N, C-alpha and C. Protein backbone atom coordinates (compact mmCIF):
# COMPACT_ATOMS: atom_id res chain seq x y z
N MET A 1 0.82 -1.18 0.00
CA MET A 1 0.00 0.00 0.00
C MET A 1 0.88 1.26 0.00
N ARG A 2 1.89 1.26 0.84
CA ARG A 2 2.77 2.43 0.92
C ARG A 2 3.50 2.64 -0.40
N PHE A 3 3.93 1.54 -1.02
CA PHE A 3 4.61 1.64 -2.31
C PHE A 3 3.69 2.26 -3.36
N THR A 4 2.44 1.88 -3.36
CA THR A 4 1.46 2.40 -4.32
C THR A 4 1.29 3.90 -4.15
N ILE A 5 1.21 4.35 -2.91
CA ILE A 5 1.04 5.78 -2.66
C ILE A 5 2.27 6.56 -3.13
N VAL A 6 3.45 6.04 -2.82
CA VAL A 6 4.68 6.70 -3.25
C VAL A 6 4.77 6.72 -4.78
N LEU A 7 4.37 5.64 -5.41
CA LEU A 7 4.39 5.57 -6.86
C LEU A 7 3.43 6.59 -7.48
N LEU A 8 2.24 6.71 -6.93
CA LEU A 8 1.27 7.68 -7.44
C LEU A 8 1.74 9.12 -7.26
N ILE A 9 2.36 9.40 -6.13
CA ILE A 9 2.89 10.74 -5.89
C ILE A 9 4.01 11.04 -6.89
N GLY A 10 4.87 10.06 -7.13
CA GLY A 10 5.96 10.24 -8.09
C GLY A 10 5.44 10.48 -9.50
N LEU A 11 4.43 9.72 -9.91
CA LEU A 11 3.85 9.91 -11.23
C LEU A 11 3.17 11.27 -11.36
N ALA A 12 2.49 11.70 -10.31
CA ALA A 12 1.83 13.01 -10.34
C ALA A 12 2.87 14.12 -10.45
N ALA A 13 3.96 14.02 -9.73
CA ALA A 13 5.01 15.03 -9.79
C ALA A 13 5.64 15.07 -11.18
N PHE A 14 5.85 13.90 -11.78
CA PHE A 14 6.44 13.84 -13.11
C PHE A 14 5.51 14.47 -14.15
N SER A 15 4.22 14.16 -14.07
CA SER A 15 3.29 14.72 -15.06
C SER A 15 3.12 16.22 -14.87
N PHE A 16 3.17 16.71 -13.64
CA PHE A 16 3.09 18.14 -13.40
C PHE A 16 4.30 18.84 -14.00
N SER A 17 5.46 18.24 -13.85
CA SER A 17 6.68 18.82 -14.40
C SER A 17 6.61 18.86 -15.93
N ALA A 18 6.09 17.80 -16.53
CA ALA A 18 5.97 17.77 -17.99
C ALA A 18 5.00 18.85 -18.47
N ARG A 19 3.90 19.05 -17.77
CA ARG A 19 2.95 20.09 -18.15
C ARG A 19 3.57 21.47 -17.99
N ALA A 20 4.36 21.66 -16.95
CA ALA A 20 5.02 22.95 -16.74
C ALA A 20 6.02 23.23 -17.86
N ASP A 21 6.78 22.19 -18.26
CA ASP A 21 7.72 22.35 -19.36
C ASP A 21 6.98 22.68 -20.65
N ASN A 22 5.86 22.00 -20.87
CA ASN A 22 5.06 22.22 -22.07
C ASN A 22 4.53 23.65 -22.11
N ALA A 23 4.04 24.13 -20.98
CA ALA A 23 3.52 25.50 -20.91
C ALA A 23 4.64 26.51 -21.16
N ALA A 24 5.82 26.26 -20.61
CA ALA A 24 6.95 27.17 -20.83
C ALA A 24 7.37 27.15 -22.30
N ASP A 25 7.37 25.97 -22.90
CA ASP A 25 7.72 25.88 -24.32
C ASP A 25 6.71 26.62 -25.18
N TRP A 26 5.43 26.51 -24.86
CA TRP A 26 4.42 27.23 -25.64
C TRP A 26 4.59 28.73 -25.49
N GLU A 27 4.98 29.16 -24.29
CA GLU A 27 5.19 30.60 -24.08
C GLU A 27 6.33 31.12 -24.97
N PHE A 28 7.42 30.36 -25.03
CA PHE A 28 8.55 30.76 -25.88
C PHE A 28 8.22 30.59 -27.36
N CYS A 29 7.51 29.51 -27.70
CA CYS A 29 7.20 29.23 -29.11
C CYS A 29 6.29 30.29 -29.72
N THR A 30 5.38 30.82 -28.95
CA THR A 30 4.46 31.82 -29.47
C THR A 30 4.96 33.24 -29.26
N GLY A 31 6.13 33.38 -28.66
CA GLY A 31 6.70 34.70 -28.41
C GLY A 31 7.48 35.20 -29.60
N ALA A 32 8.33 36.16 -29.36
CA ALA A 32 9.15 36.76 -30.43
C ALA A 32 10.10 35.71 -30.99
N SER A 33 10.38 35.84 -32.27
CA SER A 33 11.28 34.90 -32.94
C SER A 33 12.69 35.05 -32.41
N SER A 34 13.24 33.96 -31.95
CA SER A 34 14.60 33.94 -31.42
C SER A 34 15.07 32.50 -31.42
N PRO A 35 16.34 32.27 -31.17
CA PRO A 35 16.81 30.88 -31.07
C PRO A 35 16.06 30.07 -30.00
N SER A 36 15.68 30.71 -28.90
CA SER A 36 14.95 29.98 -27.87
C SER A 36 13.54 29.62 -28.33
N SER A 37 12.92 30.46 -29.17
CA SER A 37 11.59 30.13 -29.68
C SER A 37 11.67 28.97 -30.67
N ILE A 38 12.73 28.92 -31.46
CA ILE A 38 12.92 27.81 -32.40
C ILE A 38 13.07 26.50 -31.63
N GLY A 39 13.87 26.51 -30.59
CA GLY A 39 14.06 25.32 -29.77
C GLY A 39 12.79 24.88 -29.06
N ALA A 40 12.03 25.85 -28.56
CA ALA A 40 10.78 25.53 -27.86
C ALA A 40 9.78 24.91 -28.82
N CYS A 41 9.64 25.46 -30.00
CA CYS A 41 8.72 24.90 -31.00
C CYS A 41 9.16 23.50 -31.41
N THR A 42 10.47 23.30 -31.55
CA THR A 42 10.98 21.98 -31.92
C THR A 42 10.65 20.95 -30.84
N ARG A 43 10.80 21.32 -29.56
CA ARG A 43 10.47 20.39 -28.47
C ARG A 43 8.99 20.04 -28.48
N ILE A 44 8.13 21.01 -28.76
CA ILE A 44 6.68 20.74 -28.83
C ILE A 44 6.40 19.75 -29.96
N ILE A 45 7.01 19.95 -31.10
CA ILE A 45 6.80 19.07 -32.24
C ILE A 45 7.31 17.66 -31.93
N GLN A 46 8.48 17.56 -31.33
CA GLN A 46 9.07 16.26 -31.05
C GLN A 46 8.32 15.48 -29.97
N ARG A 47 7.65 16.17 -29.06
CA ARG A 47 6.87 15.46 -28.04
C ARG A 47 5.75 14.63 -28.66
N GLY A 48 5.14 15.14 -29.71
CA GLY A 48 4.07 14.42 -30.38
C GLY A 48 2.78 14.32 -29.58
N GLU A 49 2.58 15.21 -28.62
CA GLU A 49 1.39 15.16 -27.77
C GLU A 49 0.36 16.22 -28.15
N SER A 50 0.67 17.06 -29.11
CA SER A 50 -0.21 18.18 -29.44
C SER A 50 -1.23 17.78 -30.50
N SER A 51 -2.30 18.57 -30.55
CA SER A 51 -3.33 18.36 -31.58
C SER A 51 -2.77 18.79 -32.94
N VAL A 52 -3.47 18.45 -33.99
CA VAL A 52 -3.03 18.83 -35.33
C VAL A 52 -2.95 20.35 -35.45
N PHE A 53 -3.92 21.06 -34.91
CA PHE A 53 -3.91 22.52 -34.97
C PHE A 53 -2.70 23.07 -34.22
N ASP A 54 -2.44 22.57 -33.01
CA ASP A 54 -1.30 23.06 -32.23
C ASP A 54 0.02 22.74 -32.93
N LEU A 55 0.10 21.57 -33.56
CA LEU A 55 1.31 21.24 -34.31
C LEU A 55 1.51 22.21 -35.48
N SER A 56 0.43 22.57 -36.14
CA SER A 56 0.57 23.51 -37.26
C SER A 56 1.06 24.87 -36.77
N VAL A 57 0.61 25.29 -35.61
CA VAL A 57 1.08 26.55 -35.02
C VAL A 57 2.57 26.44 -34.68
N ALA A 58 2.97 25.32 -34.09
CA ALA A 58 4.38 25.13 -33.71
C ALA A 58 5.27 25.09 -34.96
N TYR A 59 4.84 24.35 -36.00
CA TYR A 59 5.63 24.32 -37.24
C TYR A 59 5.72 25.71 -37.87
N ASN A 60 4.61 26.43 -37.90
CA ASN A 60 4.60 27.77 -38.48
C ASN A 60 5.53 28.71 -37.70
N ASN A 61 5.41 28.71 -36.39
CA ASN A 61 6.24 29.60 -35.59
C ASN A 61 7.72 29.24 -35.67
N ARG A 62 8.01 27.94 -35.75
CA ARG A 62 9.41 27.53 -35.90
C ARG A 62 9.94 28.00 -37.25
N GLY A 63 9.14 27.87 -38.30
CA GLY A 63 9.56 28.34 -39.62
C GLY A 63 9.80 29.84 -39.65
N LEU A 64 8.90 30.58 -39.01
CA LEU A 64 9.08 32.04 -38.93
C LEU A 64 10.35 32.39 -38.16
N GLY A 65 10.60 31.67 -37.08
CA GLY A 65 11.81 31.91 -36.30
C GLY A 65 13.06 31.64 -37.10
N ILE A 66 13.06 30.55 -37.87
CA ILE A 66 14.21 30.23 -38.70
C ILE A 66 14.39 31.29 -39.79
N ALA A 67 13.30 31.72 -40.41
CA ALA A 67 13.38 32.74 -41.44
C ALA A 67 13.90 34.06 -40.88
N MET A 68 13.42 34.43 -39.70
CA MET A 68 13.88 35.68 -39.08
C MET A 68 15.36 35.58 -38.71
N ALA A 69 15.78 34.42 -38.24
CA ALA A 69 17.19 34.24 -37.88
C ALA A 69 18.07 34.33 -39.13
N ALA A 70 17.58 33.80 -40.24
CA ALA A 70 18.35 33.85 -41.48
C ALA A 70 18.48 35.27 -42.00
N THR A 71 17.42 36.07 -41.87
CA THR A 71 17.48 37.43 -42.40
C THR A 71 18.26 38.37 -41.49
N THR A 72 18.31 38.08 -40.22
CA THR A 72 19.05 38.96 -39.32
C THR A 72 20.53 38.64 -39.30
N THR A 73 20.94 37.46 -39.74
CA THR A 73 22.36 37.13 -39.74
C THR A 73 23.02 37.38 -41.09
N ALA A 74 22.23 37.61 -42.13
CA ALA A 74 22.79 37.89 -43.45
C ALA A 74 23.29 39.34 -43.50
N PRO A 75 24.37 39.57 -44.20
CA PRO A 75 24.86 40.95 -44.30
C PRO A 75 23.89 41.81 -45.11
N SER A 76 23.75 43.05 -44.74
CA SER A 76 22.86 43.95 -45.46
C SER A 76 23.57 44.49 -46.70
N PRO A 77 22.81 44.88 -47.72
CA PRO A 77 23.43 45.42 -48.95
C PRO A 77 24.27 46.67 -48.68
N ILE A 78 23.88 47.44 -47.68
CA ILE A 78 24.64 48.66 -47.36
C ILE A 78 26.03 48.31 -46.86
N SER A 79 26.14 47.28 -46.02
CA SER A 79 27.45 46.93 -45.47
C SER A 79 28.34 46.30 -46.54
N ILE A 80 27.77 45.73 -47.57
CA ILE A 80 28.56 45.13 -48.63
C ILE A 80 29.19 46.21 -49.50
N ARG A 81 28.48 47.31 -49.73
CA ARG A 81 28.98 48.39 -50.59
C ARG A 81 30.17 49.12 -49.97
N HIS A 82 30.24 49.18 -48.68
CA HIS A 82 31.30 49.97 -48.03
C HIS A 82 32.55 49.21 -48.00
C-alpha cells in the first residue's frame, strides 16, 4: 500500500513537471522569434502530444523563427557596398 502511494505521488510530480515544461515551451514558441523560440517549438513538435492545430502553429512559428534568424544574420546590402 505504501509503495502504491509513493508511486502515485511520483507519477503526479512527473506529469506536473511535464505540463510545466510544455507550458513554458508554448510561451517561448508563441513569443518573439529567437533561437529559444525555435528550440521551444521543436520540443513541442518532437513530443508528439499536441493536436493537429497546435502542431501547425508550432511548425509555423518555428519556420518564422528560422526565417527571421536567417534574415538577421545575413549581411545587409549597405554593409557590402562599403
